[in-house]
Amino acid sequence: MAKYKTLDDFDVKNKTVIVRVDFNSEIDPQTKKVTSDVRIRAHAESTLKELTEKGAKVVVITHQGRKNEEDYTTLKTHTQILQTILQCPIKYVEDVFGKKAQTAIQNLQPGEILVLENVRSWDGETKNGTPDQQAKTPLVQNIAPLSDLFVNDAFSTAHRSHASMVGFTAVLPSAAGRIMEHELKSLSKILEKPEHPCVYVMGGSKAEDSLEISRYVLGHHIADDVLVGGVTAQLFLAANNVKLGKAVMDYLNQKELTQYILGIKELIEQYPQNIKMPSDVALNVYGDRCEIPLTELPTNYAIYDIGNKTVADYAKIIANAKSIVVSGPMGVYENPQFNLGTKDILTAIANSKAFSLAGGGNTIAAIEEYGLTKKFSYISTAGGAITEFLMGKELPGVKALETATQTKKI
């Protein structure tokens, strides 16, 4: 049973509802225009649509990038996109919590939406703190008295203890939005009570994340098998005393990844039967794919993918699984010569009867490229939040909802 409340627990008609969403989108650095509306659309078509249809006065708080970074901009374009999606007028104010914002909130009518300016235009937003500490910030102090309910729908930012994420929960009744609720339910299926066999497929180049997630899910008997690919697999092979060759090791050193080899080695020694590594690899030989078994290593060439035998071995394990998590590609999938591992493993997962969850930008891009989106049980765009969740870490945004006051304390 969920420890947090949802929209089902509140009557929002004629109520002023602050909704923290994640509209943080891909931005063209030259025009500052939004190039992907995926996140805006997700919040619009679920939580925001539901609240307006139920007659709430909706105040949207969100961020876009960070100051001094290329993707930092106002929310004017985001508001226009939101208006196009919902096919109704959306109000926008170039203010976060000042007089303009307060007046705009007070003038809201039932069924209307107001988008406040990029919350990170206020420097205090990116400072971490407890809910009680953040409740004392000007953001919460100025806006909470004008509101009846706080809804956190931004799971992808739940690993931050920023004011807009946790501060309102200390002074307002609070609920999880539909995106937040869906993410937590889907992740719980994998992390709390997964059906077994449960398989984690860890690829890509974020070796530290792969190590921490593998350590947690194996240590807590969540995963039965961890299958490794990508740069992660190269580190696991090196930790397992496979001589990869100077070119590969130089690359791993250059990326400062060899520091994780000792930790990986300890993990392999602890769970020798549960960690599956490639038995063959695909080398980039002057642009051509050349597959070799591990027995032919070391090599003078870079490893760009897992080999066909490894794909077949992994596919058998995947076919028998009842729960699967995949994060990271199996190789340099952007190159058609080396997309076999990523494409075939993702296809095997998509065609399995298991509950399948995918996360990570490159993973999602590959799933979309191969037309497999609808075959996955759940695809999370949460990034850092899903990584920390899979490591078993407590997410401040979720914890704040679980411990939120359910009476108004202004």
Protein backbone atom coordinates (compact mmCIF):
# COMPACT_ATOMS: atom_id res chain seq x y z
CA MET A 1 0.00 0.00 0.00
CA ALA A 2 1.37 3.40 -1.03
CA LYS A 3 2.53 5.67 1.80
CA TYR A 4 1.68 8.80 -0.20
CA LYS A 5 -1.66 10.28 -1.22
CA THR A 6 -2.74 10.66 -4.86
CA LEU A 7 -5.26 12.82 -6.74
CA ASP A 8 -7.90 10.21 -5.86
CA ASP A 9 -7.74 11.40 -2.23
CA PHE A 10 -8.73 15.03 -2.88
CA ASP A 11 -11.66 17.06 -4.19
CA VAL A 12 -9.93 19.76 -6.23
CA LYS A 13 -12.97 21.63 -7.53
CA ASN A 14 -12.48 25.40 -7.07
CA LYS A 15 -9.21 24.68 -5.24
CA THR A 16 -5.87 26.32 -6.08
CA VAL A 17 -3.42 23.52 -6.78
CA ILE A 18 0.37 23.97 -7.13
CA VAL A 19 1.72 21.31 -9.48
CA ARG A 20 5.46 20.66 -9.68
CA VAL A 21 6.05 19.11 -13.11
CA ASP A 22 9.20 18.42 -15.12
CA PHE A 23 9.06 20.34 -18.40
CA ASN A 24 12.88 20.24 -18.67
CA SER A 25 13.26 19.55 -22.39
CA GLU A 26 15.82 19.38 -25.17
CA ILE A 27 16.57 22.95 -26.30
CA ASP A 28 18.08 24.31 -29.51
CA PRO A 29 21.04 26.34 -28.18
CA GLN A 30 20.71 28.95 -30.93
CA THR A 31 16.95 29.61 -30.98
CA LYS A 32 16.24 28.48 -27.38
CA LYS A 33 13.22 26.63 -28.78
CA VAL A 34 12.04 23.29 -27.39
CA THR A 35 12.97 20.46 -29.77
CA SER A 36 11.14 17.64 -27.96
CA ASP A 37 7.77 17.98 -26.22
CA VAL A 38 7.74 14.47 -24.72
CA ARG A 39 7.78 15.55 -21.07
CA ILE A 40 5.41 18.49 -21.56
CA ARG A 41 2.94 16.21 -23.35
CA ALA A 42 3.15 13.51 -20.66
CA HIS A 43 2.22 15.93 -17.85
CA ALA A 44 -0.36 17.75 -19.99
CA GLU A 45 -2.30 14.69 -21.06
CA SER A 46 -2.46 13.19 -17.56
CA THR A 47 -2.23 15.27 -14.39
CA LEU A 48 -2.83 18.77 -15.81
CA LYS A 49 -5.76 17.69 -18.00
CA GLU A 50 -7.38 15.85 -15.10
CA LEU A 51 -7.04 18.81 -12.72
CA THR A 52 -8.53 21.32 -15.18
CA GLU A 53 -11.41 18.99 -16.03
CA LYS A 54 -12.16 18.68 -12.33
CA GLY A 55 -12.32 22.46 -11.98
CA ALA A 56 -9.04 23.16 -10.18
CA LYS A 57 -7.11 26.43 -10.47
CA VAL A 58 -3.75 25.07 -11.56
CA VAL A 59 -0.39 26.73 -10.85
CA VAL A 60 2.49 25.07 -12.69
CA ILE A 61 6.02 25.21 -11.28
CA THR A 62 8.87 23.72 -13.31
CA HIS A 63 12.45 24.30 -14.44
CA GLN A 64 14.43 24.38 -17.67
CA GLY A 65 18.17 23.81 -17.47
CA ARG A 66 20.45 25.66 -15.08
CA LYS A 67 21.73 29.21 -15.17
CA ASN A 68 24.76 29.73 -17.42
CA GLU A 69 24.11 26.48 -19.30
CA GLU A 70 23.04 26.19 -22.95
CA ASP A 71 19.61 24.71 -22.20
CA TYR A 72 18.63 27.42 -19.69
CA THR A 73 15.76 29.61 -20.91
CA THR A 74 12.35 31.03 -19.99
CA LEU A 75 9.18 28.95 -20.11
CA LYS A 76 7.45 31.02 -22.79
CA THR A 77 7.86 28.36 -25.50
CA HIS A 78 6.90 25.59 -23.08
CA THR A 79 3.66 27.44 -22.32
CA GLN A 80 2.85 27.75 -26.01
CA ILE A 81 3.43 24.02 -26.49
CA LEU A 82 1.23 23.24 -23.48
CA GLN A 83 -1.51 25.43 -24.93
CA THR A 84 -1.31 23.60 -28.27
CA ILE A 85 -1.52 20.21 -26.58
CA LEU A 86 -4.46 21.05 -24.31
CA GLN A 87 -6.21 23.26 -26.87
CA CYS A 88 -7.09 25.91 -24.32
CA PRO A 89 -5.58 29.27 -23.24
CA ILE A 90 -2.69 28.92 -20.78
CA LYS A 91 -1.58 31.89 -18.71
CA TYR A 92 2.10 32.65 -18.23
CA VAL A 93 3.82 35.12 -15.93
CA GLU A 94 7.49 36.14 -16.02
CA ASP A 95 7.76 35.87 -12.26
CA VAL A 96 8.29 33.01 -9.80
CA PHE A 97 6.89 34.20 -6.47
CA GLY A 98 6.79 38.02 -6.57
CA LYS A 99 3.80 40.37 -6.79
CA LYS A 100 3.12 39.53 -10.46
CA ALA A 101 3.00 35.82 -9.70
CA GLN A 102 0.87 36.29 -6.58
CA THR A 103 -1.66 38.48 -8.41
CA ALA A 104 -1.85 36.01 -11.32
CA ILE A 105 -2.51 33.15 -8.88
CA GLN A 106 -5.24 35.10 -7.09
CA ASN A 107 -6.93 35.91 -10.42
CA LEU A 108 -7.08 32.29 -11.59
CA GLN A 109 -10.52 30.86 -12.37
CA PRO A 110 -11.58 27.19 -12.03
CA GLY A 111 -10.27 25.14 -14.96
CA GLU A 112 -7.45 27.59 -15.79
CA ILE A 113 -3.71 26.93 -15.84
CA LEU A 114 -0.97 29.41 -14.94
CA VAL A 115 2.68 28.65 -15.74
CA LEU A 116 5.15 30.49 -13.48
CA GLU A 117 8.61 31.47 -14.74
CA ASN A 118 11.50 28.99 -14.70
CA VAL A 119 11.91 28.27 -10.98
CA ARG A 120 15.68 28.10 -11.41
CA SER A 121 15.74 31.79 -12.33
CA TRP A 122 15.59 32.11 -8.54
CA ASP A 123 19.03 31.12 -7.19
CA GLY A 124 17.57 29.63 -4.01
CA GLU A 125 15.91 26.78 -5.92
CA THR A 126 19.05 24.73 -6.46
CA LYS A 127 20.02 24.69 -2.78
CA ASN A 128 19.19 21.45 -0.99
CA GLY A 129 17.36 21.32 2.33
CA THR A 130 14.81 19.48 4.43
CA PRO A 131 11.07 20.11 3.88
CA ASP A 132 10.96 22.28 7.02
CA GLN A 133 13.97 24.30 5.89
CA GLN A 134 12.59 24.75 2.38
CA ALA A 135 9.19 25.74 3.77
CA LYS A 136 10.85 28.92 5.10
CA THR A 137 12.05 30.01 1.63
CA PRO A 138 10.39 32.96 -0.14
CA LEU A 139 9.08 30.59 -2.84
CA VAL A 140 6.97 28.63 -0.35
CA GLN A 141 6.23 31.54 1.99
CA ASN A 142 4.82 33.70 -0.83
CA ILE A 143 2.84 31.10 -2.80
CA ALA A 144 1.68 28.45 -0.33
CA PRO A 145 -0.75 30.84 1.49
CA LEU A 146 -2.57 31.33 -1.83
CA SER A 147 -2.94 27.58 -2.41
CA ASP A 148 -4.93 24.62 -1.12
CA LEU A 149 -2.99 21.61 -2.36
CA PHE A 150 0.49 20.67 -3.61
CA VAL A 151 0.89 17.98 -6.27
CA ASN A 152 4.34 16.63 -7.11
CA ASP A 153 4.34 15.08 -10.57
CA ALA A 154 8.08 15.40 -11.23
CA PHE A 155 9.54 11.96 -10.46
CA SER A 156 12.52 12.73 -12.69
CA THR A 157 13.54 15.47 -10.23
CA ALA A 158 12.65 13.49 -7.10
CA HIS A 159 16.33 12.91 -6.27
CA ARG A 160 16.63 16.66 -5.54
CA SER A 161 15.65 18.21 -2.19
CA HIS A 162 15.03 21.59 -3.79
CA ALA A 163 12.45 24.06 -2.46
CA SER A 164 9.90 23.41 -5.21
CA MET A 165 10.21 19.66 -4.68
CA VAL A 166 9.94 19.33 -0.89
CA GLY A 167 9.12 22.72 0.67
CA PHE A 168 5.38 22.80 0.02
CA THR A 169 4.86 19.35 1.58
CA ALA A 170 5.62 20.80 5.03
CA VAL A 171 2.79 23.35 4.86
CA LEU A 172 0.19 22.06 2.39
CA PRO A 173 -1.80 18.86 1.91
CA SER A 174 0.18 17.00 -0.75
CA ALA A 175 -0.33 14.31 -3.38
CA ALA A 176 1.56 12.46 -6.08
CA GLY A 177 0.53 13.39 -9.61
CA ARG A 178 -0.31 10.71 -12.16
CA ILE A 179 3.20 10.62 -13.70
CA MET A 180 4.81 10.33 -10.26
CA GLU A 181 2.28 7.68 -9.22
CA HIS A 182 2.80 5.64 -12.41
CA GLU A 183 6.60 5.78 -12.12
CA LEU A 184 6.57 4.65 -8.50
CA LYS A 185 4.13 1.79 -9.15
CA SER A 186 6.15 0.57 -12.15
CA LEU A 187 9.46 0.78 -10.32
CA SER A 188 8.02 -0.98 -7.29
CA LYS A 189 7.15 -3.95 -9.52
CA ILE A 190 10.83 -4.27 -10.29
CA LEU A 191 12.47 -3.31 -7.02
CA GLU A 192 10.13 -4.30 -4.20
CA LYS A 193 8.33 -7.45 -5.37
CA PRO A 194 9.67 -8.49 -8.76
CA GLU A 195 8.53 -11.72 -10.33
CA HIS A 196 11.41 -14.14 -10.69
CA PRO A 197 13.55 -14.84 -12.60
CA CYS A 198 14.44 -11.13 -12.54
CA VAL A 199 17.13 -9.98 -14.97
CA TYR A 200 19.01 -6.67 -15.06
CA VAL A 201 20.69 -5.77 -18.36
CA MET A 202 23.39 -3.18 -17.68
CA GLY A 203 25.12 -1.55 -20.65
CA GLY A 204 26.40 1.87 -21.64
CA SER A 205 29.40 3.60 -20.14
CA LYS A 206 28.18 4.70 -16.69
CA ALA A 207 30.22 2.08 -14.90
CA GLU A 208 29.79 3.52 -11.40
CA ASP A 209 25.99 3.42 -11.73
CA SER A 210 26.05 -0.12 -13.13
CA LEU A 211 28.28 -1.26 -10.26
CA GLU A 212 26.09 0.34 -7.57
CA ILE A 213 22.83 -0.95 -9.07
CA SER A 214 24.26 -4.46 -9.54
CA ARG A 215 25.59 -4.50 -5.98
CA TYR A 216 22.20 -3.48 -4.59
CA VAL A 217 19.94 -5.75 -6.64
CA LEU A 218 22.14 -8.80 -6.16
CA GLY A 219 22.76 -8.07 -2.48
CA HIS A 220 19.03 -7.74 -1.80
CA HIS A 221 18.06 -10.80 -3.89
CA ILE A 222 16.13 -8.62 -6.31
CA ALA A 223 17.96 -9.73 -9.46
CA ASP A 224 18.74 -13.33 -10.32
CA ASP A 225 21.07 -12.40 -13.18
CA VAL A 226 22.93 -9.27 -14.28
CA LEU A 227 23.89 -9.23 -17.97
CA VAL A 228 26.56 -6.68 -18.92
CA GLY A 229 27.31 -5.01 -22.23
CA GLY A 230 28.82 -1.83 -23.64
CA VAL A 231 31.78 -0.18 -21.91
CA THR A 232 30.43 -1.60 -18.64
CA ALA A 233 31.13 -5.12 -19.97
CA GLN A 234 34.71 -4.16 -20.85
CA LEU A 235 35.30 -3.12 -17.24
CA PHE A 236 33.72 -6.33 -15.93
CA LEU A 237 35.91 -8.40 -18.26
CA ALA A 238 39.03 -6.49 -17.16
CA ALA A 239 38.04 -7.06 -13.52
CA ASN A 240 37.66 -10.76 -14.36
CA ASN A 241 41.32 -10.88 -15.49
CA VAL A 242 40.59 -10.88 -19.23
CA LYS A 243 43.44 -9.17 -21.12
CA LEU A 244 41.63 -6.75 -23.41
CA GLY A 245 44.56 -5.02 -25.07
CA LYS A 246 46.25 -1.63 -24.97
CA ALA A 247 43.67 0.22 -27.13
CA VAL A 248 40.79 -0.79 -24.88
CA MET A 249 42.63 -0.13 -21.62
CA ASP A 250 43.88 3.24 -22.86
CA TYR A 251 40.28 4.20 -23.58
CA LEU A 252 39.08 3.06 -20.14
CA ASN A 253 41.91 4.99 -18.49
CA GLN A 254 41.20 8.07 -20.56
CA LYS A 255 37.57 8.00 -19.39
CA GLU A 256 38.77 7.49 -15.78
CA LEU A 257 36.80 4.24 -15.51
CA THR A 258 39.51 1.85 -14.33
CA GLN A 259 39.03 3.15 -10.78
CA TYR A 260 35.91 0.94 -10.60
CA ILE A 261 37.65 -2.30 -11.52
CA LEU A 262 38.48 -3.26 -7.92
CA GLY A 263 34.85 -2.82 -6.81
CA ILE A 264 33.63 -4.82 -9.81
CA LYS A 265 36.17 -7.56 -9.07
CA GLU A 266 34.81 -7.90 -5.52
CA LEU A 267 31.27 -8.08 -6.87
CA ILE A 268 32.17 -10.82 -9.36
CA GLU A 269 33.87 -12.82 -6.60
CA GLN A 270 30.77 -12.48 -4.44
CA TYR A 271 28.25 -13.37 -7.17
CA PRO A 272 30.14 -15.49 -9.75
CA GLN A 273 27.03 -17.37 -10.91
CA ASN A 274 24.79 -14.32 -11.22
CA ILE A 275 26.90 -11.99 -13.36
CA LYS A 276 26.98 -12.85 -17.05
CA MET A 277 29.71 -11.38 -19.23
CA PRO A 278 30.29 -11.51 -23.00
CA SER A 279 31.92 -14.64 -24.44
CA ASP A 280 32.70 -12.85 -27.70
CA VAL A 281 33.07 -9.23 -28.82
CA ALA A 282 32.90 -7.19 -32.01
CA LEU A 283 36.00 -5.16 -32.87
CA ASN A 284 36.13 -2.03 -35.00
CA VAL A 285 38.78 -2.97 -37.58
CA TYR A 286 39.18 0.09 -39.78
CA GLY A 287 35.40 0.67 -39.71
CA ASP A 288 34.43 -2.97 -40.27
CA ARG A 289 32.87 -5.36 -37.75
CA CYS A 290 35.11 -8.26 -36.78
CA GLU A 291 33.87 -10.71 -34.14
CA ILE A 292 36.29 -12.71 -32.01
CA PRO A 293 35.91 -14.99 -28.96
CA LEU A 294 37.53 -13.90 -25.68
CA THR A 295 40.24 -16.51 -26.26
CA GLU A 296 41.62 -14.36 -29.10
CA LEU A 297 42.10 -11.34 -26.86
CA PRO A 298 44.06 -9.12 -26.24
CA THR A 299 43.52 -6.97 -29.31
CA ASN A 300 44.94 -3.80 -30.82
CA TYR A 301 41.48 -2.66 -31.87
CA ALA A 302 38.61 -1.01 -30.00
CA ILE A 303 35.66 -3.13 -28.82
CA TYR A 304 32.42 -1.70 -30.25
CA ASP A 305 29.79 -4.35 -29.48
CA ILE A 306 29.04 -7.75 -27.99
CA GLY A 307 29.23 -10.70 -30.37
CA ASN A 308 26.58 -13.03 -31.81
CA LYS A 309 27.22 -15.86 -29.33
CA THR A 310 26.81 -13.47 -26.40
CA VAL A 311 23.57 -12.16 -27.92
CA ALA A 312 22.25 -15.74 -28.19
CA ASP A 313 23.29 -16.59 -24.63
CA TYR A 314 21.73 -13.42 -23.21
CA ALA A 315 18.55 -13.92 -25.27
CA LYS A 316 17.99 -17.36 -23.69
CA ILE A 317 18.16 -15.87 -20.18
CA ILE A 318 15.85 -13.02 -21.22
CA ALA A 319 13.31 -15.44 -22.72
CA ASN A 320 12.93 -17.19 -19.35
CA ALA A 321 12.71 -13.99 -17.30
CA LYS A 322 9.54 -12.65 -15.71
CA SER A 323 10.95 -9.21 -14.81
CA ILE A 324 13.57 -7.28 -16.78
CA VAL A 325 15.30 -3.93 -16.30
CA VAL A 326 17.47 -2.59 -19.12
CA SER A 327 19.70 0.46 -18.92
CA GLY A 328 22.34 1.31 -21.51
CA PRO A 329 23.17 0.01 -25.01
CA MET A 330 25.28 -3.09 -25.68
CA GLY A 331 27.67 -1.23 -27.96
CA VAL A 332 28.10 1.73 -30.30
CA TYR A 333 24.55 1.31 -31.62
CA GLU A 334 24.63 4.64 -33.49
CA ASN A 335 26.94 2.94 -36.02
CA PRO A 336 24.96 0.44 -38.17
CA GLN A 337 27.95 -1.92 -38.19
CA PHE A 338 27.78 -2.21 -34.42
CA ASN A 339 24.07 -2.03 -33.53
CA LEU A 340 23.51 -5.80 -33.59
CA GLY A 341 23.95 -6.34 -29.86
CA THR A 342 21.73 -3.44 -28.79
CA LYS A 343 19.05 -4.13 -31.39
CA ASP A 344 18.84 -7.89 -30.80
CA ILE A 345 18.88 -7.66 -27.00
CA LEU A 346 16.20 -4.94 -26.95
CA THR A 347 14.13 -6.98 -29.41
CA ALA A 348 14.50 -10.07 -27.21
CA ILE A 349 13.28 -8.07 -24.20
CA ALA A 350 10.40 -6.57 -26.21
CA ASN A 351 9.29 -10.02 -27.39
CA SER A 352 9.54 -11.61 -23.96
CA LYS A 353 6.52 -12.15 -21.73
CA ALA A 354 8.27 -10.42 -18.83
CA PHE A 355 7.39 -7.12 -17.21
CA SER A 356 10.02 -4.93 -18.86
CA LEU A 357 11.30 -1.56 -17.69
CA ALA A 358 13.75 0.59 -19.66
CA GLY A 359 15.58 3.71 -18.54
CA GLY A 360 18.33 6.02 -19.73
CA GLY A 361 18.50 8.41 -22.67
CA ASN A 362 20.46 6.19 -25.08
CA THR A 363 18.34 3.16 -24.23
CA ILE A 364 15.12 5.03 -24.94
CA ALA A 365 16.53 6.49 -28.17
CA ALA A 366 17.47 2.98 -29.36
CA ILE A 367 14.06 1.55 -28.42
CA GLU A 368 12.37 4.30 -30.40
CA GLU A 369 14.71 3.85 -33.37
CA TYR A 370 13.90 0.13 -33.58
CA GLY A 371 10.14 0.71 -33.23
CA LEU A 372 9.89 -1.25 -29.96
CA THR A 373 8.34 1.41 -27.71
CA LYS A 374 4.89 -0.17 -27.45
CA LYS A 375 6.34 -3.58 -26.61
CA PHE A 376 7.96 -2.44 -23.37
CA SER A 377 5.87 -2.50 -20.20
CA TYR A 378 7.28 0.81 -19.00
CA ILE A 379 9.82 3.32 -20.28
CA SER A 380 11.09 5.83 -17.76
CA THR A 381 12.52 9.21 -18.82
CA ALA A 382 13.56 9.97 -15.24
CA GLY A 383 17.35 9.79 -15.66
CA GLY A 384 19.13 10.42 -12.36
CA ALA A 385 16.07 9.67 -10.25
CA ILE A 386 15.56 6.18 -11.65
CA THR A 387 19.28 5.43 -11.27
CA GLU A 388 19.23 6.36 -7.58
CA PHE A 389 15.95 4.49 -7.06
CA LEU A 390 17.45 1.31 -8.55
CA MET A 391 20.42 1.73 -6.21
CA GLY A 392 17.97 1.57 -3.31
CA LYS A 393 18.52 5.19 -2.34
CA GLU A 394 15.78 7.26 -0.72
CA LEU A 395 14.47 9.99 -3.03
CA PRO A 396 13.81 13.27 -1.16
CA GLY A 397 10.85 14.20 -3.39
CA VAL A 398 9.13 10.88 -2.70
CA LYS A 399 10.00 10.87 1.01
CA ALA A 400 8.53 14.38 1.32
CA LEU A 401 5.22 13.15 -0.09
CA GLU A 402 5.19 10.23 2.33
CA THR A 403 5.76 12.49 5.35
CA ALA A 404 3.73 15.48 4.11
CA THR A 405 1.35 17.37 6.33
CA GLN A 406 -2.24 16.82 5.24
CA THR A 407 -3.55 19.98 6.86
CA LYS A 408 -2.80 23.53 5.83
CA LYS A 409 -0.04 24.96 8.08
CA ILE A 410 0.50 28.48 6.82
